[in-house]
Amino acid sequence: MAVFLLLAIVLYRLRGASFHWQLFAATLQHLAWGWLSLSILLMLLTYVARALRWEVMLRPLGREVSLPQLISDTAIGFMAAVLLGRVGELVRPYLISVSAGVSFTSQMAAWFLERVLDLLAVLLIFGFALASIPSHASTLGPGLRWVLGAGGYVAALLGSICVALLVIFGKFPKQAEQRLSSALAILPAKYYEHSNTVLRTALEGLQSTGRPALLGMLLLHTVLLWGLIAGGYYTLLRSFSTGVHFHTTDIVVLIGFVSLGSLFQIPGIGGGVQLVSIVVLTEMYGFSLEVASGIAMILWVLTLVIIVPWGLAFAFHRGLNFSKIKHLAVDELSSQENL
């Protein structure tokens, strides 16, 4: 909570205004707990959807892992990512590689494919969000609205290009590796070898996209995942008395900006989600900073922090404490950087 209050105070100081604590508290006190409970459930189900999608990426390796095991690995991995940042990202592919009995490199490839799919979803949502801003953000100047609207179409175009690359790299991995490896030959020998290793890992992860059935399932699971996220946002905003004025397009706009902001996080704190949420709600939709800060705080908890207690519970059940997880992540990062 201290982070949100600090961000809100800084923003208000820049405006030369005061922060009304009573209004901020009232925003949190008048929550509809039924809608909030449903939002919590939907956000937790997103981790189940991620586990299901990862199970599809294990199929080309001929390995099966039970869904409860994948959910446990997923929860612990996201908990580590929230608390440790970049280092913690390696925990999930490592745990799944152990559970499936496959190489860590193969699961780093799966992690890469997962990031590509989510980036594609974010690009498409963000593109739609930007293209939709001109009809919603009446307080923005016409020049800025035109720039944001044009940016929406550019982001949507980039998302379409990502789809094409997924298919091309999946169907012709050897040719793609040869072409890209030749292009990397201009690098010094040390960096060339490391880049080639990263390239092979990435293309391994894209192999499953060369099979239409698997690619279709991956895209379907990605749609399911982001549908759950959208449902979580919708029910969360309905839990606030100020959220009833949000329409479907407005929710997609908020998801687009917040998803982009989530790329910039401080381990254990966050940062991007809070700032972007507050800016969008105040500057585009005219909410007071106190109300926007309250919504942003709950949104941050549900999108990032909510998995932490579950991850810790799963880790405790498996005999993993936080210190072990941290050392595991650091060791794996060191081994990857030494490749």
Protein backbone atom coordinates (compact mmCIF):
# COMPACT_ATOMS: atom_id res chain seq x y z
CA MET A 1 0.00 0.00 0.00
CA ALA A 2 2.87 2.36 0.76
CA VAL A 3 3.98 2.21 -2.88
CA PHE A 4 0.55 3.30 -4.12
CA LEU A 5 0.28 6.12 -1.66
CA LEU A 6 3.76 7.32 -2.56
CA LEU A 7 2.93 7.25 -6.27
CA ALA A 8 -0.34 9.08 -5.69
CA ILE A 9 1.27 11.73 -3.50
CA VAL A 10 4.04 12.33 -6.05
CA LEU A 11 1.48 12.78 -8.82
CA TYR A 12 -0.58 15.18 -6.76
CA ARG A 13 2.48 17.17 -5.70
CA LEU A 14 3.34 17.58 -9.35
CA ARG A 15 -0.14 18.99 -9.84
CA GLY A 16 0.12 21.16 -6.78
CA ALA A 17 -2.95 19.59 -5.16
CA SER A 18 -3.59 17.77 -1.90
CA PHE A 19 -4.48 14.11 -1.43
CA HIS A 20 -7.88 13.43 0.18
CA TRP A 21 -7.32 10.40 2.37
CA GLN A 22 -10.98 10.01 3.29
CA LEU A 23 -11.99 9.64 -0.36
CA PHE A 24 -9.19 7.09 -0.89
CA ALA A 25 -10.37 5.07 2.12
CA ALA A 26 -14.01 5.31 1.04
CA THR A 27 -13.08 3.87 -2.37
CA LEU A 28 -11.77 0.73 -0.67
CA GLN A 29 -14.53 0.52 1.94
CA HIS A 30 -17.44 0.49 -0.51
CA LEU A 31 -16.44 -2.64 -2.39
CA ALA A 32 -19.04 -5.16 -3.56
CA TRP A 33 -17.50 -8.31 -2.12
CA GLY A 34 -19.48 -10.62 -4.36
CA TRP A 35 -17.98 -9.08 -7.51
CA LEU A 36 -14.55 -8.91 -5.89
CA SER A 37 -14.67 -12.60 -4.93
CA LEU A 38 -15.57 -13.52 -8.51
CA SER A 39 -12.68 -11.38 -9.76
CA ILE A 40 -10.28 -13.18 -7.41
CA LEU A 41 -11.51 -16.55 -8.68
CA LEU A 42 -11.08 -15.56 -12.33
CA MET A 43 -7.57 -14.20 -11.73
CA LEU A 44 -6.55 -17.43 -9.98
CA LEU A 45 -7.97 -19.43 -12.89
CA THR A 46 -5.57 -17.61 -15.22
CA TYR A 47 -2.75 -19.63 -13.67
CA VAL A 48 -4.65 -22.83 -14.39
CA ALA A 49 -5.02 -21.65 -18.00
CA ARG A 50 -1.26 -21.04 -18.17
CA ALA A 51 -0.60 -24.55 -16.87
CA LEU A 52 -2.95 -26.01 -19.49
CA ARG A 53 -1.17 -24.08 -22.24
CA TRP A 54 2.21 -25.31 -21.04
CA GLU A 55 0.92 -28.89 -21.11
CA VAL A 56 0.30 -28.43 -24.85
CA MET A 57 3.92 -27.30 -25.30
CA LEU A 58 5.13 -30.51 -23.61
CA ARG A 59 3.33 -32.73 -26.11
CA PRO A 60 5.96 -32.54 -28.90
CA LEU A 61 8.45 -33.94 -26.35
CA GLY A 62 6.23 -36.94 -25.67
CA ARG A 63 6.05 -36.15 -21.95
CA GLU A 64 3.02 -35.87 -19.70
CA VAL A 65 2.80 -34.03 -16.40
CA SER A 66 -0.35 -34.01 -14.28
CA LEU A 67 -2.31 -30.78 -14.22
CA PRO A 68 -1.99 -30.37 -10.40
CA GLN A 69 1.81 -30.66 -10.74
CA LEU A 70 1.89 -28.07 -13.53
CA ILE A 71 -0.33 -25.73 -11.50
CA SER A 72 2.03 -26.11 -8.53
CA ASP A 73 5.10 -25.37 -10.69
CA THR A 74 3.31 -22.42 -12.28
CA ALA A 75 2.27 -20.90 -8.95
CA ILE A 76 5.76 -21.26 -7.47
CA GLY A 77 7.32 -19.83 -10.63
CA PHE A 78 5.10 -16.75 -10.71
CA MET A 79 5.59 -16.22 -6.99
CA ALA A 80 9.37 -16.23 -7.59
CA ALA A 81 8.99 -13.85 -10.54
CA VAL A 82 6.98 -11.38 -8.42
CA LEU A 83 9.44 -11.44 -5.51
CA LEU A 84 12.73 -11.84 -7.39
CA GLY A 85 12.09 -10.22 -10.76
CA ARG A 86 14.11 -11.36 -13.79
CA VAL A 87 15.97 -14.05 -11.83
CA GLY A 88 12.72 -15.60 -10.67
CA GLU A 89 11.53 -16.07 -14.25
CA LEU A 90 13.81 -19.13 -14.51
CA VAL A 91 12.19 -20.98 -11.62
CA ARG A 92 9.08 -22.09 -13.50
CA PRO A 93 10.81 -23.65 -16.55
CA TYR A 94 13.31 -25.32 -14.22
CA LEU A 95 10.61 -26.88 -12.01
CA ILE A 96 8.62 -28.05 -15.04
CA SER A 97 11.75 -29.55 -16.62
CA VAL A 98 12.28 -31.57 -13.42
CA SER A 99 8.62 -32.62 -13.25
CA ALA A 100 8.58 -33.69 -16.91
CA GLY A 101 12.05 -35.23 -16.92
CA VAL A 102 13.22 -33.12 -19.86
CA SER A 103 16.09 -30.69 -20.37
CA PHE A 104 15.97 -27.23 -18.86
CA THR A 105 16.82 -25.79 -22.30
CA SER A 106 13.68 -27.31 -23.81
CA GLN A 107 11.54 -25.63 -21.16
CA MET A 108 13.31 -22.31 -21.65
CA ALA A 109 12.24 -22.72 -25.28
CA ALA A 110 8.66 -23.30 -24.11
CA TRP A 111 8.94 -20.23 -21.86
CA PHE A 112 10.09 -18.21 -24.88
CA LEU A 113 7.10 -19.37 -26.92
CA GLU A 114 4.78 -18.50 -24.05
CA ARG A 115 6.23 -14.98 -23.93
CA VAL A 116 5.75 -14.62 -27.69
CA LEU A 117 2.10 -15.68 -27.43
CA ASP A 118 1.44 -13.28 -24.56
CA LEU A 119 3.29 -10.47 -26.34
CA LEU A 120 1.13 -11.11 -29.37
CA ALA A 121 -2.01 -10.88 -27.23
CA VAL A 122 -0.78 -7.69 -25.55
CA LEU A 123 0.07 -6.12 -28.91
CA LEU A 124 -3.36 -6.88 -30.33
CA ILE A 125 -5.17 -5.68 -27.19
CA PHE A 126 -2.96 -2.59 -26.92
CA GLY A 127 -3.50 -1.87 -30.61
CA PHE A 128 -7.25 -2.04 -30.14
CA ALA A 129 -6.97 0.08 -27.01
CA LEU A 130 -5.00 2.81 -28.75
CA ALA A 131 -7.28 2.79 -31.78
CA SER A 132 -10.30 3.12 -29.45
CA ILE A 133 -8.96 6.03 -27.41
CA PRO A 134 -10.21 8.84 -29.69
CA SER A 135 -13.85 8.04 -28.90
CA HIS A 136 -13.29 7.81 -25.15
CA ALA A 137 -10.63 10.23 -24.01
CA SER A 138 -12.35 13.56 -24.54
CA THR A 139 -9.85 15.36 -22.31
CA LEU A 140 -6.92 14.62 -24.62
CA GLY A 141 -5.89 17.08 -27.28
CA PRO A 142 -6.71 16.26 -30.93
CA GLY A 143 -3.02 15.92 -31.86
CA LEU A 144 -2.29 13.42 -29.09
CA ARG A 145 -5.47 11.52 -29.82
CA TRP A 146 -4.43 11.15 -33.47
CA VAL A 147 -0.96 9.92 -32.47
CA LEU A 148 -2.41 7.36 -30.05
CA GLY A 149 -4.98 6.21 -32.60
CA ALA A 150 -2.29 5.76 -35.27
CA GLY A 151 -0.16 3.89 -32.74
CA GLY A 152 -3.04 1.47 -32.24
CA TYR A 153 -3.03 0.47 -35.88
CA VAL A 154 0.76 0.08 -35.83
CA ALA A 155 0.57 -2.20 -32.76
CA ALA A 156 -2.16 -4.28 -34.41
CA LEU A 157 0.01 -4.59 -37.54
CA LEU A 158 2.97 -5.74 -35.44
CA GLY A 159 0.74 -8.32 -33.79
CA SER A 160 -0.28 -9.66 -37.20
CA ILE A 161 3.37 -9.88 -38.21
CA CYS A 162 4.05 -11.89 -35.03
CA VAL A 163 1.39 -14.41 -36.10
CA ALA A 164 3.01 -14.77 -39.51
CA LEU A 165 6.46 -15.25 -37.96
CA LEU A 166 5.12 -17.90 -35.58
CA VAL A 167 3.83 -19.91 -38.53
CA ILE A 168 6.92 -19.40 -40.73
CA PHE A 169 9.45 -20.22 -37.99
CA GLY A 170 7.37 -23.18 -36.89
CA LYS A 171 7.14 -24.70 -40.37
CA PHE A 172 10.66 -23.91 -41.56
CA PRO A 173 12.86 -23.92 -38.41
CA LYS A 174 16.03 -25.17 -40.14
CA GLN A 175 15.89 -22.61 -42.92
CA ALA A 176 15.10 -19.86 -40.41
CA GLU A 177 18.01 -20.90 -38.20
CA GLN A 178 20.42 -20.91 -41.16
CA ARG A 179 19.33 -17.47 -42.36
CA LEU A 180 19.44 -15.89 -38.92
CA SER A 181 22.71 -17.63 -38.02
CA SER A 182 24.29 -16.22 -41.18
CA ALA A 183 23.07 -12.76 -40.26
CA LEU A 184 24.67 -13.11 -36.80
CA ALA A 185 28.05 -14.04 -38.29
CA ILE A 186 29.12 -10.39 -38.17
CA LEU A 187 29.33 -10.62 -34.37
CA PRO A 188 32.59 -11.46 -32.52
CA ALA A 189 33.10 -15.21 -31.97
CA LYS A 190 32.14 -15.15 -28.26
CA TYR A 191 28.90 -13.28 -28.85
CA TYR A 192 28.16 -15.28 -32.00
CA GLU A 193 28.20 -18.58 -30.09
CA HIS A 194 26.01 -17.22 -27.31
CA SER A 195 23.57 -15.70 -29.83
CA ASN A 196 23.40 -19.00 -31.71
CA THR A 197 22.54 -20.84 -28.49
CA VAL A 198 19.77 -18.37 -27.73
CA LEU A 199 18.54 -18.63 -31.34
CA ARG A 200 18.37 -22.43 -31.23
CA THR A 201 16.51 -22.29 -27.92
CA ALA A 202 13.99 -19.84 -29.34
CA LEU A 203 13.41 -21.88 -32.50
CA GLU A 204 12.98 -25.04 -30.41
CA GLY A 205 10.16 -23.30 -28.63
CA LEU A 206 8.52 -22.40 -31.94
CA GLN A 207 8.60 -25.96 -33.29
CA SER A 208 5.14 -26.79 -32.00
CA THR A 209 3.74 -23.86 -34.04
CA GLY A 210 4.61 -25.79 -37.19
CA ARG A 211 1.82 -28.25 -36.41
CA PRO A 212 -1.55 -26.67 -37.21
CA ALA A 213 -3.36 -28.65 -34.49
CA LEU A 214 -0.91 -27.67 -31.75
CA LEU A 215 -0.73 -24.07 -32.93
CA GLY A 216 -4.52 -23.91 -32.88
CA MET A 217 -4.60 -25.26 -29.34
CA LEU A 218 -1.95 -22.80 -28.19
CA LEU A 219 -3.89 -19.89 -29.68
CA LEU A 220 -7.13 -21.21 -28.18
CA HIS A 221 -5.55 -21.46 -24.72
CA THR A 222 -4.14 -17.96 -25.15
CA VAL A 223 -7.62 -16.64 -25.98
CA LEU A 224 -8.98 -18.48 -22.93
CA LEU A 225 -6.26 -17.00 -20.73
CA TRP A 226 -6.87 -13.43 -21.82
CA GLY A 227 -10.62 -13.96 -21.69
CA LEU A 228 -10.22 -14.86 -18.01
CA ILE A 229 -8.05 -11.78 -17.50
CA ALA A 230 -10.72 -9.61 -19.15
CA GLY A 231 -13.38 -11.20 -16.95
CA GLY A 232 -11.23 -10.51 -13.89
CA TYR A 233 -10.93 -6.84 -14.84
CA TYR A 234 -14.65 -6.55 -15.55
CA THR A 235 -15.73 -8.07 -12.24
CA LEU A 236 -13.11 -6.06 -10.36
CA LEU A 237 -14.36 -2.78 -11.78
CA ARG A 238 -17.95 -3.81 -11.01
CA SER A 239 -16.93 -4.25 -7.38
CA PHE A 240 -16.26 -0.51 -7.17
CA SER A 241 -19.18 1.88 -7.09
CA THR A 242 -17.31 3.89 -9.74
CA GLY A 243 -16.90 0.90 -12.04
CA VAL A 244 -20.49 0.69 -13.30
CA HIS A 245 -19.78 3.28 -16.00
CA PHE A 246 -17.16 1.12 -17.69
CA HIS A 247 -18.16 -0.50 -20.97
CA THR A 248 -16.48 -3.45 -22.66
CA THR A 249 -14.32 -1.21 -24.85
CA ASP A 250 -13.20 0.79 -21.83
CA ILE A 251 -12.12 -2.39 -20.05
CA VAL A 252 -10.12 -3.52 -23.08
CA VAL A 253 -8.44 -0.09 -23.20
CA LEU A 254 -7.47 -0.42 -19.52
CA ILE A 255 -6.20 -3.99 -20.03
CA GLY A 256 -4.12 -2.89 -23.02
CA PHE A 257 -2.34 -0.11 -21.17
CA VAL A 258 -1.93 -2.00 -17.91
CA SER A 259 -0.58 -5.08 -19.69
CA LEU A 260 2.06 -2.93 -21.34
CA GLY A 261 2.85 -1.30 -18.00
CA SER A 262 3.29 -4.71 -16.37
CA LEU A 263 6.44 -5.18 -18.47
CA PHE A 264 8.17 -2.66 -16.21
CA GLN A 265 8.27 -4.05 -12.69
CA ILE A 266 10.41 -3.66 -9.58
CA PRO A 267 10.81 -7.05 -7.79
CA GLY A 268 8.37 -7.34 -4.89
CA ILE A 269 6.94 -3.88 -5.56
CA GLY A 270 5.75 -3.54 -9.12
CA GLY A 271 5.59 -0.04 -10.53
CA GLY A 272 4.30 -0.16 -14.10
CA VAL A 273 0.86 -1.52 -13.28
CA GLN A 274 0.21 1.09 -10.60
CA LEU A 275 1.43 4.08 -12.57
CA VAL A 276 -0.29 3.16 -15.82
CA SER A 277 -3.56 2.34 -14.06
CA ILE A 278 -3.57 5.67 -12.24
CA VAL A 279 -2.69 7.67 -15.36
CA VAL A 280 -5.31 5.96 -17.55
CA LEU A 281 -8.08 6.26 -14.96
CA THR A 282 -7.36 9.92 -14.18
CA GLU A 283 -6.31 11.33 -17.55
CA MET A 284 -8.56 9.33 -19.87
CA TYR A 285 -11.63 8.65 -17.76
CA GLY A 286 -11.62 11.59 -15.38
CA PHE A 287 -11.48 9.70 -12.07
CA SER A 288 -10.08 11.55 -9.08
CA LEU A 289 -6.58 10.49 -8.08
CA GLU A 290 -7.86 9.04 -4.81
CA VAL A 291 -10.38 6.78 -6.56
CA ALA A 292 -7.87 5.84 -9.27
CA SER A 293 -5.27 4.97 -6.63
CA GLY A 294 -7.72 2.71 -4.82
CA ILE A 295 -8.63 0.88 -8.03
CA ALA A 296 -4.96 0.61 -9.04
CA MET A 297 -3.99 -0.86 -5.69
CA ILE A 298 -6.60 -3.64 -5.85
CA LEU A 299 -5.76 -4.23 -9.51
CA TRP A 300 -2.06 -4.65 -8.64
CA VAL A 301 -2.91 -7.13 -5.89
CA LEU A 302 -5.13 -9.23 -8.14
CA THR A 303 -2.85 -9.24 -11.19
CA LEU A 304 0.49 -9.83 -9.45
CA VAL A 305 0.48 -10.30 -5.69
CA ILE A 306 -2.45 -12.73 -5.40
CA ILE A 307 -0.32 -15.69 -6.52
CA VAL A 308 2.37 -15.12 -3.86
CA PRO A 309 0.62 -16.85 -0.90
CA TRP A 310 -0.42 -19.76 -3.15
CA GLY A 311 3.11 -20.09 -4.50
CA LEU A 312 4.54 -20.07 -1.00
CA ALA A 313 2.01 -22.71 0.10
CA PHE A 314 2.88 -25.01 -2.82
CA ALA A 315 6.60 -24.47 -2.19
CA PHE A 316 6.21 -25.30 1.51
CA HIS A 317 4.27 -28.45 0.64
CA ARG A 318 7.18 -29.55 -1.60
CA GLY A 319 9.84 -28.71 0.97
CA LEU A 320 11.07 -25.59 -0.83
CA ASN A 321 11.68 -22.44 1.18
CA PHE A 322 12.23 -18.99 -0.29
CA SER A 323 15.98 -19.16 0.23
CA LYS A 324 16.23 -22.39 -1.76
CA ILE A 325 14.13 -20.95 -4.57
CA LYS A 326 16.27 -17.81 -4.71
CA HIS A 327 19.52 -19.78 -4.87
CA LEU A 328 18.04 -22.10 -7.48
CA ALA A 329 17.09 -19.12 -9.67
CA VAL A 330 20.49 -17.45 -9.28
CA ASP A 331 22.34 -20.69 -10.11
CA GLU A 332 20.27 -21.24 -13.24
CA LEU A 333 20.77 -17.65 -14.37
CA SER A 334 24.53 -17.99 -13.91
CA SER A 335 24.61 -21.22 -15.93
CA GLN A 336 22.61 -19.59 -18.75
CA GLU A 337 24.88 -16.56 -18.89
CA ASN A 338 27.94 -18.85 -19.05
CA LEU A 339 26.66 -20.67 -22.13
